Amino acid sequence: MLYVALLMGIVAIVISDKLTQAFKLSSIWRVIGQICASLVIIIVGKLEVRYINLGDHFDLGYLSIPFTLLFLVGFTNVMNLEKVQKPSILLLPIASLVCFSMSAYFMGHSFVFNMGIYSSLAIVFILLYGYFSGKVLLGRTLTTSIGFIIAVLSISLIKTSIVTIYIPIFTLALPFTLYYFIQDKFTSVQSITISSLIAILFGALMFIVPFHKIWYLVVGLTIVLVIIQSSRKYRFI
């Protein structure tokens, strides 16, 4: 049922985004569409984080749905591009999706594994099609849909272990923040290359560094990312 809910959520995001563009509506309508898509995941897909496992189970109780909703909407907008970028920027979510699939494989999570692989292949196809046809398919609708998929995969793994929040933060959010930080200092290709290598590096660290030490990285660097959000230039949520 989660596959159906994910498809319904993507359709809701695409429709709301296209209507917002067509009628030049306020961006709040995009957010409303994302909220509706997230509620579909929670209600139809029955996907929500009811407790956080930090050695002991911390029950979220009534905060379960608000936490899940906030996380889904927040990470849906991680790839919210305000300016036109080169299609190669899609290499960043590919690195993140591959990391999701590898983690899901070791954790025995078939939904995340399958969707990570399928989504990676779909993005590669889009890049190849754009390269050979000369058409640029990169737009807000596509990046928001990719962000939504990654948000759903994140919530799916967080239900198993809160430490897996490391993946969306350090293989996607951090590289994107780095990309915006250095894009004025390097060429577009160089910026994307550096950011992609950082995403791959942090993805590899997850399979090298013990989980209990990764948690310190999650807390420390998350604080840094939150502070960065005070500057509009480097904001990703």
C-alpha atoms as a PDB file:
ATOM      1  CA  MET A   1       0.000   0.000   0.000  1.00  0.00           C
ATOM      2  CA  LEU A   2       2.963   2.278   0.588  1.00  0.00           C
ATOM      3  CA  TYR A   3       3.864   2.114  -3.117  1.00  0.00           C
ATOM      4  CA  VAL A   4       0.359   3.323  -4.025  1.00  0.00           C
ATOM      5  CA  ALA A   5       0.489   6.075  -1.382  1.00  0.00           C
ATOM      6  CA  LEU A   6       3.855   7.265  -2.709  1.00  0.00           C
ATOM      7  CA  LEU A   7       2.487   7.421  -6.259  1.00  0.00           C
ATOM      8  CA  MET A   8      -0.586   9.338  -5.054  1.00  0.00           C
ATOM      9  CA  GLY A   9       1.649  11.750  -3.148  1.00  0.00           C
ATOM     10  CA  ILE A  10       3.835  12.436  -6.187  1.00  0.00           C
ATOM     11  CA  VAL A  11       0.725  13.056  -8.322  1.00  0.00           C
ATOM     12  CA  ALA A  12      -0.567  15.535  -5.703  1.00  0.00           C
ATOM     13  CA  ILE A  13       2.757  17.396  -5.701  1.00  0.00           C
ATOM     14  CA  VAL A  14       2.923  17.531  -9.514  1.00  0.00           C
ATOM     15  CA  ILE A  15      -0.666  18.795  -9.817  1.00  0.00           C
ATOM     16  CA  SER A  16      -0.262  21.480  -7.136  1.00  0.00           C
ATOM     17  CA  ASP A  17       3.044  22.624  -8.641  1.00  0.00           C
ATOM     18  CA  LYS A  18       1.669  22.813 -12.187  1.00  0.00           C
ATOM     19  CA  LEU A  19      -1.460  24.689 -11.057  1.00  0.00           C
ATOM     20  CA  THR A  20       0.667  27.132  -9.066  1.00  0.00           C
ATOM     21  CA  GLN A  21       2.805  27.816 -12.128  1.00  0.00           C
ATOM     22  CA  ALA A  22      -0.125  27.991 -14.566  1.00  0.00           C
ATOM     23  CA  PHE A  23      -2.183  30.450 -12.511  1.00  0.00           C
ATOM     24  CA  LYS A  24       0.831  32.214 -10.939  1.00  0.00           C
ATOM     25  CA  LEU A  25      -0.411  31.486  -7.442  1.00  0.00           C
ATOM     26  CA  SER A  26       1.417  32.103  -4.191  1.00  0.00           C
ATOM     27  CA  SER A  27       4.052  29.507  -3.280  1.00  0.00           C
ATOM     28  CA  ILE A  28       1.924  28.642  -0.245  1.00  0.00           C
ATOM     29  CA  TRP A  29      -0.197  26.518  -2.587  1.00  0.00           C
ATOM     30  CA  ARG A  30       2.846  24.396  -3.343  1.00  0.00           C
ATOM     31  CA  VAL A  31       3.292  23.827   0.373  1.00  0.00           C
ATOM     32  CA  ILE A  32      -0.395  22.931   0.730  1.00  0.00           C
ATOM     33  CA  GLY A  33       0.059  20.357  -2.036  1.00  0.00           C
ATOM     34  CA  GLN A  34       3.087  18.944  -0.226  1.00  0.00           C
ATOM     35  CA  ILE A  35       1.131  18.760   3.034  1.00  0.00           C
ATOM     36  CA  CYS A  36      -1.669  16.863   1.250  1.00  0.00           C
ATOM     37  CA  ALA A  37       0.894  14.487  -0.290  1.00  0.00           C
ATOM     38  CA  SER A  38       2.466  13.915   3.137  1.00  0.00           C
ATOM     39  CA  LEU A  39      -0.927  13.212   4.720  1.00  0.00           C
ATOM     40  CA  VAL A  40      -1.550  10.599   2.012  1.00  0.00           C
ATOM     41  CA  ILE A  41       1.695   8.894   3.034  1.00  0.00           C
ATOM     42  CA  ILE A  42       0.712   9.016   6.706  1.00  0.00           C
ATOM     43  CA  ILE A  43      -2.951   7.993   6.349  1.00  0.00           C
ATOM     44  CA  VAL A  44      -3.022   5.753   3.268  1.00  0.00           C
ATOM     45  CA  GLY A  45       0.544   4.455   3.493  1.00  0.00           C
ATOM     46  CA  LYS A  46       0.312   4.190   7.310  1.00  0.00           C
ATOM     47  CA  LEU A  47       3.819   5.582   7.600  1.00  0.00           C
ATOM     48  CA  GLU A  48       4.651   7.629  10.680  1.00  0.00           C
ATOM     49  CA  VAL A  49       7.347   7.733  13.341  1.00  0.00           C
ATOM     50  CA  ARG A  50       5.689   6.757  16.624  1.00  0.00           C
ATOM     51  CA  TYR A  51       8.839   6.404  18.699  1.00  0.00           C
ATOM     52  CA  ILE A  52      12.523   7.223  18.529  1.00  0.00           C
ATOM     53  CA  ASN A  53      14.980   4.496  19.426  1.00  0.00           C
ATOM     54  CA  LEU A  54      17.986   5.911  21.284  1.00  0.00           C
ATOM     55  CA  GLY A  55      18.830   2.856  23.333  1.00  0.00           C
ATOM     56  CA  ASP A  56      15.462   3.303  25.049  1.00  0.00           C
ATOM     57  CA  HIS A  57      12.202   3.855  23.174  1.00  0.00           C
ATOM     58  CA  PHE A  58      11.095   7.482  23.324  1.00  0.00           C
ATOM     59  CA  ASP A  59       7.377   7.464  22.528  1.00  0.00           C
ATOM     60  CA  LEU A  60       6.305  10.523  20.506  1.00  0.00           C
ATOM     61  CA  GLY A  61       2.628  10.049  21.328  1.00  0.00           C
ATOM     62  CA  TYR A  62       0.501  12.867  19.902  1.00  0.00           C
ATOM     63  CA  LEU A  63       3.622  14.393  18.320  1.00  0.00           C
ATOM     64  CA  SER A  64       3.971  11.404  15.997  1.00  0.00           C
ATOM     65  CA  ILE A  65       1.948  12.811  13.076  1.00  0.00           C
ATOM     66  CA  PRO A  66       3.224  16.443  13.422  1.00  0.00           C
ATOM     67  CA  PHE A  67       6.839  15.183  13.527  1.00  0.00           C
ATOM     68  CA  THR A  68       6.348  12.975  10.461  1.00  0.00           C
ATOM     69  CA  LEU A  69       4.501  15.730   8.595  1.00  0.00           C
ATOM     70  CA  LEU A  70       7.152  18.355   9.381  1.00  0.00           C
ATOM     71  CA  PHE A  71       9.942  16.012   8.315  1.00  0.00           C
ATOM     72  CA  LEU A  72       8.250  15.049   5.051  1.00  0.00           C
ATOM     73  CA  VAL A  73       7.467  18.642   4.026  1.00  0.00           C
ATOM     74  CA  GLY A  74      10.876  19.901   5.148  1.00  0.00           C
ATOM     75  CA  PHE A  75      12.931  17.382   3.194  1.00  0.00           C
ATOM     76  CA  THR A  76      10.626  17.578   0.185  1.00  0.00           C
ATOM     77  CA  ASN A  77      11.975  21.115  -0.223  1.00  0.00           C
ATOM     78  CA  VAL A  78      15.650  20.284   0.214  1.00  0.00           C
ATOM     79  CA  MET A  79      16.050  20.317  -3.586  1.00  0.00           C
ATOM     80  CA  ASN A  80      13.859  23.377  -4.064  1.00  0.00           C
ATOM     81  CA  LEU A  81      15.922  25.222  -6.673  1.00  0.00           C
ATOM     82  CA  GLU A  82      15.256  28.961  -6.980  1.00  0.00           C
ATOM     83  CA  LYS A  83      17.564  29.446  -9.975  1.00  0.00           C
ATOM     84  CA  VAL A  84      18.087  27.405 -13.122  1.00  0.00           C
ATOM     85  CA  GLN A  85      20.854  24.852 -12.562  1.00  0.00           C
ATOM     86  CA  LYS A  86      22.673  22.395 -14.781  1.00  0.00           C
ATOM     87  CA  PRO A  87      20.988  18.945 -14.990  1.00  0.00           C
ATOM     88  CA  SER A  88      24.155  17.411 -13.519  1.00  0.00           C
ATOM     89  CA  ILE A  89      22.955  18.725 -10.127  1.00  0.00           C
ATOM     90  CA  LEU A  90      20.842  15.545 -10.115  1.00  0.00           C
ATOM     91  CA  LEU A  91      24.017  13.604  -9.335  1.00  0.00           C
ATOM     92  CA  LEU A  92      23.527  14.657  -5.702  1.00  0.00           C
ATOM     93  CA  PRO A  93      20.195  12.879  -5.143  1.00  0.00           C
ATOM     94  CA  ILE A  94      21.548   9.838  -7.016  1.00  0.00           C
ATOM     95  CA  ALA A  95      24.339   9.531  -4.428  1.00  0.00           C
ATOM     96  CA  SER A  96      21.772   9.829  -1.642  1.00  0.00           C
ATOM     97  CA  LEU A  97      19.399   7.275  -3.187  1.00  0.00           C
ATOM     98  CA  VAL A  98      22.210   4.757  -3.688  1.00  0.00           C
ATOM     99  CA  CYS A  99      23.146   5.191  -0.025  1.00  0.00           C
ATOM    100  CA  PHE A 100      19.512   4.578   0.928  1.00  0.00           C
ATOM    101  CA  SER A 101      19.396   1.394  -1.131  1.00  0.00           C
ATOM    102  CA  MET A 102      22.634   0.027   0.315  1.00  0.00           C
ATOM    103  CA  SER A 103      21.505   0.761   3.886  1.00  0.00           C
ATOM    104  CA  ALA A 104      18.073  -0.770   3.220  1.00  0.00           C
ATOM    105  CA  TYR A 105      19.721  -3.890   1.787  1.00  0.00           C
ATOM    106  CA  PHE A 106      21.689  -4.489   4.995  1.00  0.00           C
ATOM    107  CA  MET A 107      18.636  -3.655   7.128  1.00  0.00           C
ATOM    108  CA  GLY A 108      16.316  -5.892   5.099  1.00  0.00           C
ATOM    109  CA  HIS A 109      13.956  -3.055   4.125  1.00  0.00           C
ATOM    110  CA  SER A 110      12.613  -4.035   0.683  1.00  0.00           C
ATOM    111  CA  PHE A 111      10.504  -0.900   0.049  1.00  0.00           C
ATOM    112  CA  VAL A 112      13.402   1.519   0.537  1.00  0.00           C
ATOM    113  CA  PHE A 113      15.777  -0.745  -1.383  1.00  0.00           C
ATOM    114  CA  ASN A 114      13.463  -1.051  -4.384  1.00  0.00           C
ATOM    115  CA  MET A 115      12.436   2.614  -4.497  1.00  0.00           C
ATOM    116  CA  GLY A 116      16.038   3.752  -4.083  1.00  0.00           C
ATOM    117  CA  ILE A 117      17.135   1.648  -7.060  1.00  0.00           C
ATOM    118  CA  TYR A 118      14.149   2.572  -9.245  1.00  0.00           C
ATOM    119  CA  SER A 119      14.471   6.283  -8.478  1.00  0.00           C
ATOM    120  CA  SER A 120      18.228   6.268  -9.180  1.00  0.00           C
ATOM    121  CA  LEU A 121      17.673   4.574 -12.538  1.00  0.00           C
ATOM    122  CA  ALA A 122      14.874   7.028 -13.387  1.00  0.00           C
ATOM    123  CA  ILE A 123      17.150  10.020 -12.690  1.00  0.00           C
ATOM    124  CA  VAL A 124      19.967   8.465 -14.748  1.00  0.00           C
ATOM    125  CA  PHE A 125      17.491   7.995 -17.617  1.00  0.00           C
ATOM    126  CA  ILE A 126      16.437  11.660 -17.338  1.00  0.00           C
ATOM    127  CA  LEU A 127      20.076  12.774 -17.431  1.00  0.00           C
ATOM    128  CA  LEU A 128      20.850  10.583 -20.458  1.00  0.00           C
ATOM    129  CA  TYR A 129      17.704  11.706 -22.269  1.00  0.00           C
ATOM    130  CA  GLY A 130      18.538  15.344 -21.635  1.00  0.00           C
ATOM    131  CA  TYR A 131      22.139  14.828 -22.772  1.00  0.00           C
ATOM    132  CA  PHE A 132      21.302  13.119 -26.072  1.00  0.00           C
ATOM    133  CA  SER A 133      18.164  15.132 -26.882  1.00  0.00           C
ATOM    134  CA  GLY A 134      19.526  18.491 -25.804  1.00  0.00           C
ATOM    135  CA  LYS A 135      16.372  19.146 -23.774  1.00  0.00           C
ATOM    136  CA  VAL A 136      16.680  20.324 -20.167  1.00  0.00           C
ATOM    137  CA  LEU A 137      14.108  18.477 -18.048  1.00  0.00           C
ATOM    138  CA  LEU A 138      15.270  19.928 -14.727  1.00  0.00           C
ATOM    139  CA  GLY A 139      12.578  21.998 -13.025  1.00  0.00           C
ATOM    140  CA  ARG A 140      10.951  22.673  -9.687  1.00  0.00           C
ATOM    141  CA  THR A 141       8.341  19.930 -10.231  1.00  0.00           C
ATOM    142  CA  LEU A 142      11.019  17.284 -10.820  1.00  0.00           C
ATOM    143  CA  THR A 143      13.277  18.344  -7.941  1.00  0.00           C
ATOM    144  CA  THR A 144      10.338  18.596  -5.521  1.00  0.00           C
ATOM    145  CA  SER A 145       9.168  15.101  -6.514  1.00  0.00           C
ATOM    146  CA  ILE A 146      12.668  13.711  -5.946  1.00  0.00           C
ATOM    147  CA  GLY A 147      12.825  15.468  -2.586  1.00  0.00           C
ATOM    148  CA  PHE A 148       9.470  13.949  -1.638  1.00  0.00           C
ATOM    149  CA  ILE A 149      10.648  10.440  -2.531  1.00  0.00           C
ATOM    150  CA  ILE A 150      13.801  10.893  -0.455  1.00  0.00           C
ATOM    151  CA  ALA A 151      11.720  12.229   2.453  1.00  0.00           C
ATOM    152  CA  VAL A 152       9.477   9.132   2.353  1.00  0.00           C
ATOM    153  CA  LEU A 153      12.476   6.788   2.200  1.00  0.00           C
ATOM    154  CA  SER A 154      14.016   8.669   5.132  1.00  0.00           C
ATOM    155  CA  ILE A 155      10.920   8.266   7.298  1.00  0.00           C
ATOM    156  CA  SER A 156      10.747   4.571   6.376  1.00  0.00           C
ATOM    157  CA  LEU A 157      14.282   3.964   7.662  1.00  0.00           C
ATOM    158  CA  ILE A 158      13.968   6.297  10.660  1.00  0.00           C
ATOM    159  CA  LYS A 159      11.169   4.014  11.896  1.00  0.00           C
ATOM    160  CA  THR A 160      13.864   1.345  12.177  1.00  0.00           C
ATOM    161  CA  SER A 161      16.659   3.526  13.546  1.00  0.00           C
ATOM    162  CA  ILE A 162      16.756   7.282  14.160  1.00  0.00           C
ATOM    163  CA  VAL A 163      20.478   7.222  13.287  1.00  0.00           C
ATOM    164  CA  THR A 164      19.532   6.781   9.623  1.00  0.00           C
ATOM    165  CA  ILE A 165      18.507  10.446   9.627  1.00  0.00           C
ATOM    166  CA  TYR A 166      22.217  10.778   8.844  1.00  0.00           C
ATOM    167  CA  ILE A 167      21.521   9.789   5.217  1.00  0.00           C
ATOM    168  CA  PRO A 168      19.224  12.621   4.059  1.00  0.00           C
ATOM    169  CA  ILE A 169      21.117  15.236   6.084  1.00  0.00           C
ATOM    170  CA  PHE A 170      24.690  14.362   5.120  1.00  0.00           C
ATOM    171  CA  THR A 171      24.314  12.855   1.664  1.00  0.00           C
ATOM    172  CA  LEU A 172      21.825  15.430   0.351  1.00  0.00           C
ATOM    173  CA  ALA A 173      21.134  18.489   2.550  1.00  0.00           C
ATOM    174  CA  LEU A 174      24.794  19.120   3.432  1.00  0.00           C
ATOM    175  CA  PRO A 175      26.122  18.673  -0.150  1.00  0.00           C
ATOM    176  CA  PHE A 176      23.378  20.992  -1.468  1.00  0.00           C
ATOM    177  CA  THR A 177      24.278  23.605   1.147  1.00  0.00           C
ATOM    178  CA  LEU A 178      27.934  23.248   0.168  1.00  0.00           C
ATOM    179  CA  TYR A 179      27.001  23.629  -3.498  1.00  0.00           C
ATOM    180  CA  TYR A 180      25.227  26.946  -2.861  1.00  0.00           C
ATOM    181  CA  PHE A 181      28.158  28.083  -0.724  1.00  0.00           C
ATOM    182  CA  ILE A 182      30.845  27.472  -3.366  1.00  0.00           C
ATOM    183  CA  GLN A 183      28.953  28.022  -6.637  1.00  0.00           C
ATOM    184  CA  ASP A 184      30.116  31.638  -6.830  1.00  0.00           C
ATOM    185  CA  LYS A 185      33.735  30.648  -6.245  1.00  0.00           C
ATOM    186  CA  PHE A 186      33.993  27.809  -8.770  1.00  0.00           C
ATOM    187  CA  THR A 187      32.479  26.919 -12.114  1.00  0.00           C
ATOM    188  CA  SER A 188      29.150  25.069 -12.068  1.00  0.00           C
ATOM    189  CA  VAL A 189      30.786  21.774 -13.052  1.00  0.00           C
ATOM    190  CA  GLN A 190      33.447  22.115 -10.358  1.00  0.00           C
ATOM    191  CA  SER A 191      30.844  22.996  -7.703  1.00  0.00           C
ATOM    192  CA  ILE A 192      28.686  19.997  -8.593  1.00  0.00           C
ATOM    193  CA  THR A 193      31.728  17.708  -8.691  1.00  0.00           C
ATOM    194  CA  ILE A 194      32.944  18.816  -5.261  1.00  0.00           C
ATOM    195  CA  SER A 195      29.457  18.535  -3.739  1.00  0.00           C
ATOM    196  CA  SER A 196      28.927  15.085  -5.283  1.00  0.00           C
ATOM    197  CA  LEU A 197      32.259  13.851  -3.915  1.00  0.00           C
ATOM    198  CA  ILE A 198      31.278  15.134  -0.460  1.00  0.00           C
ATOM    199  CA  ALA A 199      27.954  13.265  -0.744  1.00  0.00           C
ATOM    200  CA  ILE A 200      29.773  10.060  -1.712  1.00  0.00           C
ATOM    201  CA  LEU A 201      32.310  10.538   1.106  1.00  0.00           C
ATOM    202  CA  PHE A 202      29.638  10.958   3.774  1.00  0.00           C
ATOM    203  CA  GLY A 203      27.701   8.037   2.279  1.00  0.00           C
ATOM    204  CA  ALA A 204      30.777   5.803   2.546  1.00  0.00           C
ATOM    205  CA  LEU A 205      31.407   6.938   6.139  1.00  0.00           C
ATOM    206  CA  MET A 206      28.080   5.460   7.190  1.00  0.00           C
ATOM    207  CA  PHE A 207      29.361   1.982   6.335  1.00  0.00           C
ATOM    208  CA  ILE A 208      32.739   2.535   7.989  1.00  0.00           C
ATOM    209  CA  VAL A 209      32.063   4.473  11.194  1.00  0.00           C
ATOM    210  CA  PRO A 210      30.165   2.623  13.985  1.00  0.00           C
ATOM    211  CA  PHE A 211      26.527   3.702  14.403  1.00  0.00           C
ATOM    212  CA  HIS A 212      27.014   5.047  17.933  1.00  0.00           C
ATOM    213  CA  LYS A 213      29.754   7.402  16.691  1.00  0.00           C
ATOM    214  CA  ILE A 214      27.706   8.470  13.674  1.00  0.00           C
ATOM    215  CA  TRP A 215      25.110   9.775  16.124  1.00  0.00           C
ATOM    216  CA  TYR A 216      27.656  12.357  17.346  1.00  0.00           C
ATOM    217  CA  LEU A 217      28.130  13.476  13.732  1.00  0.00           C
ATOM    218  CA  VAL A 218      24.376  13.744  13.306  1.00  0.00           C
ATOM    219  CA  VAL A 219      23.940  15.965  16.360  1.00  0.00           C
ATOM    220  CA  GLY A 220      27.005  18.138  15.787  1.00  0.00           C
ATOM    221  CA  LEU A 221      26.637  18.822  12.090  1.00  0.00           C
ATOM    222  CA  THR A 222      22.849  19.176  12.341  1.00  0.00           C
ATOM    223  CA  ILE A 223      23.404  22.085  14.736  1.00  0.00           C
ATOM    224  CA  VAL A 224      25.742  23.646  12.159  1.00  0.00           C
ATOM    225  CA  LEU A 225      23.157  23.201   9.384  1.00  0.00           C
ATOM    226  CA  VAL A 226      20.419  24.741  11.532  1.00  0.00           C
ATOM    227  CA  ILE A 227      22.599  27.779  12.187  1.00  0.00           C
ATOM    228  CA  ILE A 228      23.261  28.089   8.443  1.00  0.00           C
ATOM    229  CA  GLN A 229      19.500  28.359   7.854  1.00  0.00           C
ATOM    230  CA  SER A 230      19.603  31.837   9.394  1.00  0.00           C
ATOM    231  CA  SER A 231      21.154  33.010   6.115  1.00  0.00           C
ATOM    232  CA  ARG A 232      18.716  33.046   3.192  1.00  0.00           C
ATOM    233  CA  LYS A 233      21.555  32.474   0.751  1.00  0.00           C
ATOM    234  CA  TYR A 234      22.360  29.010   2.140  1.00  0.00           C
ATOM    235  CA  ARG A 235      18.842  28.043   3.216  1.00  0.00           C
ATOM    236  CA  PHE A 236      17.502  24.722   1.930  1.00  0.00           C
ATOM    237  CA  ILE A 237      14.277  24.423   3.958  1.00  0.00           C
END
